[in-house]
């Protein structure tokens, strides 16, 4: 598998702007603010909007967990390996 080329690190959701991304570590007025790499489009149902934002914000951590778990999957379970490999490929844009 190849390395993720997107924005590294954990992502967070900004409740106010619907932005999702890493937190700024710059020593200026942006310190601690979410630096958006994505936005959740408006949905009339705020619960759906928040659920979508949570899933997108978790994406880098989910990819890292899948990449960590893949070598530990039993080779006898080809279906599990296939599902994990396909999810990793999808996340890497393959």
PDB file of N, CA and C in Angstrom:
ATOM      1  N   UNK A   1       0.847  -1.180   0.000  1.00  0.00           N
ATOM      2  CA  UNK A   1       0.000   0.000   0.000  1.00  0.00           C
ATOM      3  C   UNK A   1       0.897   1.249   0.000  1.00  0.00           C
ATOM      4  N   UNK A   2       0.406   2.285  -0.632  1.00  0.00           N
ATOM      5  CA  UNK A   2       1.174   3.526  -0.648  1.00  0.00           C
ATOM      6  C   UNK A   2       0.753   4.416   0.510  1.00  0.00           C
ATOM      7  N   UNK A   3       1.520   5.452   0.719  1.00  0.00           N
ATOM      8  CA  UNK A   3       1.299   6.345   1.853  1.00  0.00           C
ATOM      9  C   UNK A   3       0.218   7.375   1.528  1.00  0.00           C
ATOM     10  N   UNK A   4      -0.556   7.742   2.537  1.00  0.00           N
ATOM     11  CA  UNK A   4      -1.568   8.783   2.417  1.00  0.00           C
ATOM     12  C   UNK A   4      -0.880  10.113   2.119  1.00  0.00           C
ATOM     13  N   UNK A   5      -1.312  10.787   1.063  1.00  0.00           N
ATOM     14  CA  UNK A   5      -0.670  12.030   0.641  1.00  0.00           C
ATOM     15  C   UNK A   5      -1.445  13.277   1.066  1.00  0.00           C
ATOM     16  N   UNK A   6      -2.547  13.079   1.765  1.00  0.00           N
ATOM     17  CA  UNK A   6      -3.373  14.209   2.201  1.00  0.00           C
ATOM     18  C   UNK A   6      -2.830  14.861   3.461  1.00  0.00           C
ATOM     19  N   UNK A   7      -3.638  15.704   4.060  1.00  0.00           N
ATOM     20  CA  UNK A   7      -3.264  16.435   5.270  1.00  0.00           C
ATOM     21  C   UNK A   7      -3.068  15.462   6.422  1.00  0.00           C
ATOM     22  N   UNK A   8      -1.874  15.450   6.976  1.00  0.00           N
ATOM     23  CA  UNK A   8      -1.507  14.515   8.050  1.00  0.00           C
ATOM     24  C   UNK A   8      -2.097  14.950   9.389  1.00  0.00           C
ATOM     25  N   UNK A   9      -2.116  14.008  10.307  1.00  0.00           N
ATOM     26  CA  UNK A   9      -2.545  14.294  11.670  1.00  0.00           C
ATOM     27  C   UNK A   9      -4.035  14.091  11.878  1.00  0.00           C
ATOM     28  N   UNK A  10      -4.450  14.234  13.108  1.00  0.00           N
ATOM     29  CA  UNK A  10      -5.866  14.090  13.449  1.00  0.00           C
ATOM     30  C   UNK A  10      -6.652  15.288  12.945  1.00  0.00           C
ATOM     31  N   UNK A  11      -7.884  15.031  12.559  1.00  0.00           N
ATOM     32  CA  UNK A  11      -8.775  16.093  12.112  1.00  0.00           C
ATOM     33  C   UNK A  11      -9.864  16.291  13.160  1.00  0.00           C
ATOM     34  N   UNK A  12     -10.398  17.488  13.191  1.00  0.00           N
ATOM     35  CA  UNK A  12     -11.437  17.863  14.149  1.00  0.00           C
ATOM     36  C   UNK A  12     -12.552  18.572  13.405  1.00  0.00           C
ATOM     37  N   UNK A  13     -13.722  18.631  14.004  1.00  0.00           N
ATOM     38  CA  UNK A  13     -14.819  19.369  13.382  1.00  0.00           C
ATOM     39  C   UNK A  13     -15.034  20.671  14.139  1.00  0.00           C
ATOM     40  N   UNK A  14     -15.272  21.725  13.374  1.00  0.00           N
ATOM     41  CA  UNK A  14     -15.565  23.045  13.928  1.00  0.00           C
ATOM     42  C   UNK A  14     -17.080  23.208  13.905  1.00  0.00           C
ATOM     43  N   UNK A  15     -17.679  23.187  15.069  1.00  0.00           N
ATOM     44  CA  UNK A  15     -19.138  23.231  15.165  1.00  0.00           C
ATOM     45  C   UNK A  15     -19.704  24.501  14.536  1.00  0.00           C
ATOM     46  N   UNK A  16     -18.956  25.604  14.612  1.00  0.00           N
ATOM     47  CA  UNK A  16     -19.474  26.877  14.128  1.00  0.00           C
ATOM     48  C   UNK A  16     -19.478  27.013  12.620  1.00  0.00           C
ATOM     49  N   UNK A  17     -18.438  26.545  11.956  1.00  0.00           N
ATOM     50  CA  UNK A  17     -18.315  26.764  10.512  1.00  0.00           C
ATOM     51  C   UNK A  17     -18.599  25.522   9.683  1.00  0.00           C
ATOM     52  N   UNK A  18     -18.808  24.392  10.304  1.00  0.00           N
ATOM     53  CA  UNK A  18     -18.977  23.093   9.638  1.00  0.00           C
ATOM     54  C   UNK A  18     -17.700  22.654   8.934  1.00  0.00           C
ATOM     55  N   UNK A  19     -16.560  23.301   9.270  1.00  0.00           N
ATOM     56  CA  UNK A  19     -15.273  22.918   8.706  1.00  0.00           C
ATOM     57  C   UNK A  19     -14.694  21.724   9.436  1.00  0.00           C
ATOM     58  N   UNK A  20     -13.865  20.960   8.713  1.00  0.00           N
ATOM     59  CA  UNK A  20     -13.224  19.773   9.266  1.00  0.00           C
ATOM     60  C   UNK A  20     -11.769  19.803   8.843  1.00  0.00           C
ATOM     61  N   UNK A  21     -10.855  19.589   9.791  1.00  0.00           N
ATOM     62  CA  UNK A  21      -9.440  19.564   9.468  1.00  0.00           C
ATOM     63  C   UNK A  21      -8.580  19.540  10.713  1.00  0.00           C
ATOM     64  N   UNK A  22      -7.259  19.669  10.524  1.00  0.00           N
ATOM     65  CA  UNK A  22      -6.348  19.678  11.672  1.00  0.00           C
ATOM     66  C   UNK A  22      -6.432  21.003  12.409  1.00  0.00           C
ATOM     67  N   UNK A  23      -5.927  21.006  13.632  1.00  0.00           N
ATOM     68  CA  UNK A  23      -5.863  22.250  14.396  1.00  0.00           C
ATOM     69  C   UNK A  23      -4.587  23.000  14.050  1.00  0.00           C
ATOM     70  N   UNK A  24      -4.701  24.302  13.944  1.00  0.00           N
ATOM     71  CA  UNK A  24      -3.530  25.134  13.652  1.00  0.00           C
ATOM     72  C   UNK A  24      -2.574  25.110  14.840  1.00  0.00           C
ATOM     73  N   UNK A  25      -1.286  24.966  14.533  1.00  0.00           N
ATOM     74  CA  UNK A  25      -0.254  25.052  15.570  1.00  0.00           C
ATOM     75  C   UNK A  25       0.615  26.280  15.342  1.00  0.00           C
ATOM     76  N   UNK A  26       0.213  27.120  14.380  1.00  0.00           N
ATOM     77  CA  UNK A  26       0.956  28.350  14.116  1.00  0.00           C
ATOM     78  C   UNK A  26       0.866  29.281  15.309  1.00  0.00           C
ATOM     79  N   UNK A  27       1.943  29.992  15.564  1.00  0.00           N
ATOM     80  CA  UNK A  27       1.995  30.921  16.696  1.00  0.00           C
ATOM     81  C   UNK A  27       1.421  32.276  16.267  1.00  0.00           C
ATOM     82  N   UNK A  28       0.134  32.273  15.961  1.00  0.00           N
ATOM     83  CA  UNK A  28      -0.528  33.514  15.579  1.00  0.00           C
ATOM     84  C   UNK A  28      -1.993  33.426  16.000  1.00  0.00           C
ATOM     85  N   UNK A  29      -2.846  34.294  15.454  1.00  0.00           N
ATOM     86  CA  UNK A  29      -4.249  34.328  15.875  1.00  0.00           C
ATOM     87  C   UNK A  29      -5.028  33.075  15.481  1.00  0.00           C
ATOM     88  N   UNK A  30      -4.457  32.202  14.624  1.00  0.00           N
ATOM     89  CA  UNK A  30      -5.157  30.978  14.230  1.00  0.00           C
ATOM     90  C   UNK A  30      -4.861  29.804  15.152  1.00  0.00           C
ATOM     91  N   UNK A  31      -3.958  29.966  16.136  1.00  0.00           N
ATOM     92  CA  UNK A  31      -3.549  28.847  16.990  1.00  0.00           C
ATOM     93  C   UNK A  31      -4.773  28.169  17.609  1.00  0.00           C
ATOM     94  N   UNK A  32      -4.868  26.851  17.427  1.00  0.00           N
ATOM     95  CA  UNK A  32      -5.937  26.068  18.018  1.00  0.00           C
ATOM     96  C   UNK A  32      -7.215  26.034  17.198  1.00  0.00           C
ATOM     97  N   UNK A  33      -7.256  26.777  16.100  1.00  0.00           N
ATOM     98  CA  UNK A  33      -8.445  26.784  15.249  1.00  0.00           C
ATOM     99  C   UNK A  33      -8.377  25.625  14.249  1.00  0.00           C
ATOM    100  N   UNK A  34      -9.545  25.152  13.847  1.00  0.00           N
ATOM    101  CA  UNK A  34      -9.608  24.128  12.802  1.00  0.00           C
ATOM    102  C   UNK A  34      -9.227  24.781  11.474  1.00  0.00           C
ATOM    103  N   UNK A  35      -8.279  24.158  10.778  1.00  0.00           N
ATOM    104  CA  UNK A  35      -7.859  24.628   9.453  1.00  0.00           C
ATOM    105  C   UNK A  35      -8.540  23.710   8.434  1.00  0.00           C
ATOM    106  N   UNK A  36      -9.665  24.134   7.868  1.00  0.00           N
ATOM    107  CA  UNK A  36     -10.525  23.239   7.091  1.00  0.00           C
ATOM    108  C   UNK A  36      -9.861  22.619   5.860  1.00  0.00           C
ATOM    109  N   UNK A  37     -10.063  21.326   5.721  1.00  0.00           N
ATOM    110  CA  UNK A  37      -9.738  20.608   4.489  1.00  0.00           C
ATOM    111  C   UNK A  37     -11.043  20.166   3.828  1.00  0.00           C
ATOM    112  N   UNK A  38     -12.158  20.286   4.567  1.00  0.00           N
ATOM    113  CA  UNK A  38     -13.477  19.929   4.041  1.00  0.00           C
ATOM    114  C   UNK A  38     -14.549  20.645   4.857  1.00  0.00           C
ATOM    115  N   UNK A  39     -15.706  20.776   4.249  1.00  0.00           N
ATOM    116  CA  UNK A  39     -16.881  21.325   4.928  1.00  0.00           C
ATOM    117  C   UNK A  39     -18.039  20.376   4.728  1.00  0.00           C
ATOM    118  N   UNK A  40     -18.907  20.301   5.729  1.00  0.00           N
ATOM    119  CA  UNK A  40     -20.126  19.523   5.606  1.00  0.00           C
ATOM    120  C   UNK A  40     -21.196  20.468   5.085  1.00  0.00           C
ATOM    121  N   UNK A  41     -21.803  20.080   3.974  1.00  0.00           N
ATOM    122  CA  UNK A  41     -22.865  20.900   3.401  1.00  0.00           C
ATOM    123  C   UNK A  41     -24.060  20.946   4.333  1.00  0.00           C
ATOM    124  N   UNK A  42     -24.811  21.996   4.208  1.00  0.00           N
ATOM    125  CA  UNK A  42     -25.984  22.193   5.040  1.00  0.00           C
ATOM    126  C   UNK A  42     -26.976  21.056   4.852  1.00  0.00           C
ATOM    127  N   UNK A  43     -27.486  20.573   5.957  1.00  0.00           N
ATOM    128  CA  UNK A  43     -28.566  19.598   5.936  1.00  0.00           C
ATOM    129  C   UNK A  43     -29.614  20.107   6.910  1.00  0.00           C
ATOM    130  N   UNK A  44     -30.859  20.042   6.531  1.00  0.00           N
ATOM    131  CA  UNK A  44     -31.933  20.536   7.373  1.00  0.00           C
ATOM    132  C   UNK A  44     -31.944  19.851   8.735  1.00  0.00           C
ATOM    133  N   UNK A  45     -31.444  18.603   8.767  1.00  0.00           N
ATOM    134  CA  UNK A  45     -31.377  17.841  10.008  1.00  0.00           C
ATOM    135  C   UNK A  45     -29.962  17.974  10.579  1.00  0.00           C
ATOM    136  N   UNK A  46     -29.827  18.735  11.645  1.00  0.00           N
ATOM    137  CA  UNK A  46     -28.507  18.984  12.247  1.00  0.00           C
ATOM    138  C   UNK A  46     -27.842  17.692  12.715  1.00  0.00           C
ATOM    139  N   UNK A  47     -28.635  16.717  13.143  1.00  0.00           N
ATOM    140  CA  UNK A  47     -28.076  15.440  13.603  1.00  0.00           C
ATOM    141  C   UNK A  47     -27.337  14.730  12.462  1.00  0.00           C
ATOM    142  N   UNK A  48     -27.902  14.777  11.265  1.00  0.00           N
ATOM    143  CA  UNK A  48     -27.249  14.170  10.096  1.00  0.00           C
ATOM    144  C   UNK A  48     -25.974  14.935   9.768  1.00  0.00           C
ATOM    145  N   UNK A  49     -26.037  16.239   9.806  1.00  0.00           N
ATOM    146  CA  UNK A  49     -24.865  17.072   9.513  1.00  0.00           C
ATOM    147  C   UNK A  49     -23.732  16.767  10.490  1.00  0.00           C
ATOM    148  N   UNK A  50     -24.031  16.662  11.772  1.00  0.00           N
ATOM    149  CA  UNK A  50     -23.015  16.378  12.780  1.00  0.00           C
ATOM    150  C   UNK A  50     -22.459  14.963  12.622  1.00  0.00           C
ATOM    151  N   UNK A  51     -23.312  14.007  12.271  1.00  0.00           N
ATOM    152  CA  UNK A  51     -22.853  12.632  12.059  1.00  0.00           C
ATOM    153  C   UNK A  51     -21.903  12.567  10.865  1.00  0.00           C
ATOM    154  N   UNK A  52     -22.230  13.267   9.782  1.00  0.00           N
ATOM    155  CA  UNK A  52     -21.344  13.311   8.621  1.00  0.00           C
ATOM    156  C   UNK A  52     -20.007  13.946   8.975  1.00  0.00           C
ATOM    157  N   UNK A  53     -20.050  15.047   9.719  1.00  0.00           N
ATOM    158  CA  UNK A  53     -18.816  15.734  10.124  1.00  0.00           C
ATOM    159  C   UNK A  53     -17.955  14.838  11.010  1.00  0.00           C
ATOM    160  N   UNK A  54     -18.566  14.104  11.916  1.00  0.00           N
ATOM    161  CA  UNK A  54     -17.813  13.205  12.803  1.00  0.00           C
ATOM    162  C   UNK A  54     -17.114  12.104  12.009  1.00  0.00           C
ATOM    163  N   UNK A  55     -17.818  11.531  11.021  1.00  0.00           N
ATOM    164  CA  UNK A  55     -17.224  10.475  10.212  1.00  0.00           C
ATOM    165  C   UNK A  55     -16.046  11.002   9.396  1.00  0.00           C
ATOM    166  N   UNK A  56     -16.208  12.161   8.777  1.00  0.00           N
ATOM    167  CA  UNK A  56     -15.117  12.737   7.984  1.00  0.00           C
ATOM    168  C   UNK A  56     -13.926  13.070   8.875  1.00  0.00           C
ATOM    169  N   UNK A  57     -14.181  13.634  10.050  1.00  0.00           N
ATOM    170  CA  UNK A  57     -13.093  13.987  10.964  1.00  0.00           C
ATOM    171  C   UNK A  57     -12.335  12.747  11.438  1.00  0.00           C
ATOM    172  N   UNK A  58     -13.015  11.617  11.520  1.00  0.00           N
ATOM    173  CA  UNK A  58     -12.379  10.379  11.978  1.00  0.00           C
ATOM    174  C   UNK A  58     -11.591   9.676  10.878  1.00  0.00           C
ATOM    175  N   UNK A  59     -11.744  10.095   9.632  1.00  0.00           N
ATOM    176  CA  UNK A  59     -11.148   9.383   8.494  1.00  0.00           C
ATOM    177  C   UNK A  59      -9.646   9.107   8.638  1.00  0.00           C
ATOM    178  N   UNK A  60      -8.807  10.087   8.989  1.00  0.00           N
ATOM    179  CA  UNK A  60      -7.376   9.773   9.105  1.00  0.00           C
ATOM    180  C   UNK A  60      -7.079   8.720  10.179  1.00  0.00           C
ATOM    181  N   UNK A  61      -7.809   8.781  11.286  1.00  0.00           N
ATOM    182  CA  UNK A  61      -7.608   7.801  12.364  1.00  0.00           C
ATOM    183  C   UNK A  61      -8.097   6.419  11.940  1.00  0.00           C
ATOM    184  N   UNK A  62      -9.206   6.368  11.206  1.00  0.00           N
ATOM    185  CA  UNK A  62      -9.718   5.088  10.713  1.00  0.00           C
ATOM    186  C   UNK A  62      -8.747   4.462   9.719  1.00  0.00           C
ATOM    187  N   UNK A  63      -8.174   5.263   8.829  1.00  0.00           N
ATOM    188  CA  UNK A  63      -7.193   4.749   7.878  1.00  0.00           C
ATOM    189  C   UNK A  63      -5.984   4.186   8.616  1.00  0.00           C
ATOM    190  N   UNK A  64      -5.484   4.921   9.593  1.00  0.00           N
ATOM    191  CA  UNK A  64      -4.323   4.454  10.364  1.00  0.00           C
ATOM    192  C   UNK A  64      -4.641   3.143  11.083  1.00  0.00           C
ATOM    193  N   UNK A  65      -5.845   3.019  11.628  1.00  0.00           N
ATOM    194  CA  UNK A  65      -6.234   1.798  12.337  1.00  0.00           C
ATOM    195  C   UNK A  65      -6.313   0.609  11.377  1.00  0.00           C
ATOM    196  N   UNK A  66      -6.870   0.837  10.187  1.00  0.00           N
ATOM    197  CA  UNK A  66      -6.956  -0.249   9.202  1.00  0.00           C
ATOM    198  C   UNK A  66      -5.569  -0.684   8.740  1.00  0.00           C
ATOM    199  N   UNK A  67      -4.687   0.280   8.484  1.00  0.00           N
ATOM    200  CA  UNK A  67      -3.328  -0.056   8.056  1.00  0.00           C
ATOM    201  C   UNK A  67      -2.588  -0.819   9.157  1.00  0.00           C
ATOM    202  N   UNK A  68      -2.831  -0.460  10.413  1.00  0.00           N
ATOM    203  CA  UNK A  68      -2.202  -1.165  11.533  1.00  0.00           C
ATOM    204  C   UNK A  68      -2.748  -2.586  11.665  1.00  0.00           C
ATOM    205  N   UNK A  69      -4.057  -2.742  11.489  1.00  0.00           N
ATOM    206  CA  UNK A  69      -4.707  -4.036  11.717  1.00  0.00           C
ATOM    207  C   UNK A  69      -4.474  -5.038  10.592  1.00  0.00           C
ATOM    208  N   UNK A  70      -4.272  -4.554   9.371  1.00  0.00           N
ATOM    209  CA  UNK A  70      -4.195  -5.456   8.215  1.00  0.00           C
ATOM    210  C   UNK A  70      -3.215  -6.611   8.402  1.00  0.00           C
ATOM    211  N   UNK A  71      -1.969  -6.365   8.837  1.00  0.00           N
ATOM    212  CA  UNK A  71      -1.051  -7.499   8.973  1.00  0.00           C
ATOM    213  C   UNK A  71      -1.451  -8.497  10.066  1.00  0.00           C
ATOM    214  N   UNK A  72      -2.312  -8.084  10.966  1.00  0.00           N
ATOM    215  CA  UNK A  72      -2.704  -8.940  12.075  1.00  0.00           C
ATOM    216  C   UNK A  72      -3.943  -9.773  11.783  1.00  0.00           C
ATOM    217  N   UNK A  73      -4.595  -9.516  10.651  1.00  0.00           N
ATOM    218  CA  UNK A  73      -5.785 -10.296  10.314  1.00  0.00           C
ATOM    219  C   UNK A  73      -5.380 -11.726   9.964  1.00  0.00           C
ATOM    220  N   UNK A  74      -6.146 -12.701  10.412  1.00  0.00           N
ATOM    221  CA  UNK A  74      -5.814 -14.090  10.067  1.00  0.00           C
ATOM    222  C   UNK A  74      -5.951 -14.291   8.559  1.00  0.00           C
ATOM    223  N   UNK A  75      -4.961 -14.931   7.988  1.00  0.00           N
ATOM    224  CA  UNK A  75      -4.984 -15.165   6.542  1.00  0.00           C
ATOM    225  C   UNK A  75      -6.106 -16.120   6.148  1.00  0.00           C
ATOM    226  N   UNK A  76      -6.645 -16.823   7.122  1.00  0.00           N
ATOM    227  CA  UNK A  76      -7.748 -17.739   6.821  1.00  0.00           C
ATOM    228  C   UNK A  76      -9.048 -16.984   6.552  1.00  0.00           C
ATOM    229  N   UNK A  77      -9.098 -15.707   6.953  1.00  0.00           N
ATOM    230  CA  UNK A  77     -10.314 -14.913   6.749  1.00  0.00           C
ATOM    231  C   UNK A  77     -10.101 -13.967   5.565  1.00  0.00           C
ATOM    232  N   UNK A  78     -10.207 -14.526   4.380  1.00  0.00           N
ATOM    233  CA  UNK A  78      -9.977 -13.749   3.169  1.00  0.00           C
ATOM    234  C   UNK A  78     -10.964 -12.612   2.994  1.00  0.00           C
ATOM    235  N   UNK A  79     -12.203 -12.794   3.474  1.00  0.00           N
ATOM    236  CA  UNK A  79     -13.211 -11.749   3.327  1.00  0.00           C
ATOM    237  C   UNK A  79     -12.834 -10.513   4.143  1.00  0.00           C
ATOM    238  N   UNK A  80     -12.387 -10.713   5.379  1.00  0.00           N
ATOM    239  CA  UNK A  80     -11.995  -9.580   6.222  1.00  0.00           C
ATOM    240  C   UNK A  80     -10.803  -8.850   5.606  1.00  0.00           C
ATOM    241  N   UNK A  81      -9.826  -9.613   5.137  1.00  0.00           N
ATOM    242  CA  UNK A  81      -8.663  -8.997   4.498  1.00  0.00           C
ATOM    243  C   UNK A  81      -9.078  -8.195   3.281  1.00  0.00           C
ATOM    244  N   UNK A  82      -9.952  -8.753   2.471  1.00  0.00           N
ATOM    245  CA  UNK A  82     -10.413  -8.067   1.267  1.00  0.00           C
ATOM    246  C   UNK A  82     -11.128  -6.757   1.616  1.00  0.00           C
ATOM    247  N   UNK A  83     -12.025  -6.801   2.610  1.00  0.00           N
ATOM    248  CA  UNK A  83     -12.757  -5.596   3.016  1.00  0.00           C
ATOM    249  C   UNK A  83     -11.813  -4.503   3.508  1.00  0.00           C
ATOM    250  N   UNK A  84     -10.831  -4.879   4.320  1.00  0.00           N
ATOM    251  CA  UNK A  84      -9.873  -3.906   4.851  1.00  0.00           C
ATOM    252  C   UNK A  84      -9.005  -3.352   3.724  1.00  0.00           C
ATOM    253  N   UNK A  85      -8.527  -4.216   2.853  1.00  0.00           N
ATOM    254  CA  UNK A  85      -7.689  -3.754   1.733  1.00  0.00           C
ATOM    255  C   UNK A  85      -8.475  -2.810   0.824  1.00  0.00           C
ATOM    256  N   UNK A  86      -9.741  -3.121   0.548  1.00  0.00           N
ATOM    257  CA  UNK A  86     -10.556  -2.261  -0.314  1.00  0.00           C
ATOM    258  C   UNK A  86     -10.801  -0.903   0.345  1.00  0.00           C
ATOM    259  N   UNK A  87     -11.042  -0.889   1.658  1.00  0.00           N
ATOM    260  CA  UNK A  87     -11.257   0.371   2.367  1.00  0.00           C
ATOM    261  C   UNK A  87      -9.989   1.237   2.343  1.00  0.00           C
ATOM    262  N   UNK A  88      -8.846   0.620   2.512  1.00  0.00           N
ATOM    263  CA  UNK A  88      -7.570   1.349   2.467  1.00  0.00           C
ATOM    264  C   UNK A  88      -7.352   1.912   1.068  1.00  0.00           C
ATOM    265  N   UNK A  89      -7.581   1.105   0.044  1.00  0.00           N
ATOM    266  CA  UNK A  89      -7.424   1.579  -1.330  1.00  0.00           C
ATOM    267  C   UNK A  89      -8.351   2.763  -1.618  1.00  0.00           C
ATOM    268  N   UNK A  90      -9.581   2.668  -1.152  1.00  0.00           N
ATOM    269  CA  UNK A  90     -10.540   3.748  -1.358  1.00  0.00           C
ATOM    270  C   UNK A  90     -10.062   5.033  -0.687  1.00  0.00           C
ATOM    271  N   UNK A  91      -9.559   4.899   0.521  1.00  0.00           N
ATOM    272  CA  UNK A  91      -9.069   6.074   1.258  1.00  0.00           C
ATOM    273  C   UNK A  91      -7.853   6.696   0.584  1.00  0.00           C
ATOM    274  N   UNK A  92      -7.044   5.856  -0.073  1.00  0.00           N
ATOM    275  CA  UNK A  92      -5.842   6.352  -0.756  1.00  0.00           C
ATOM    276  C   UNK A  92      -6.109   6.767  -2.202  1.00  0.00           C
ATOM    277  N   UNK A  93      -7.369   6.654  -2.627  1.00  0.00           N
ATOM    278  CA  UNK A  93      -7.733   7.047  -3.974  1.00  0.00           C
ATOM    279  C   UNK A  93      -7.278   6.099  -5.053  1.00  0.00           C
ATOM    280  N   UNK A  94      -7.205   4.830  -4.736  1.00  0.00           N
ATOM    281  CA  UNK A  94      -6.737   3.808  -5.689  1.00  0.00           C
ATOM    282  C   UNK A  94      -7.904   3.121  -6.362  1.00  0.00           C
TER     283      UNK A  94
END
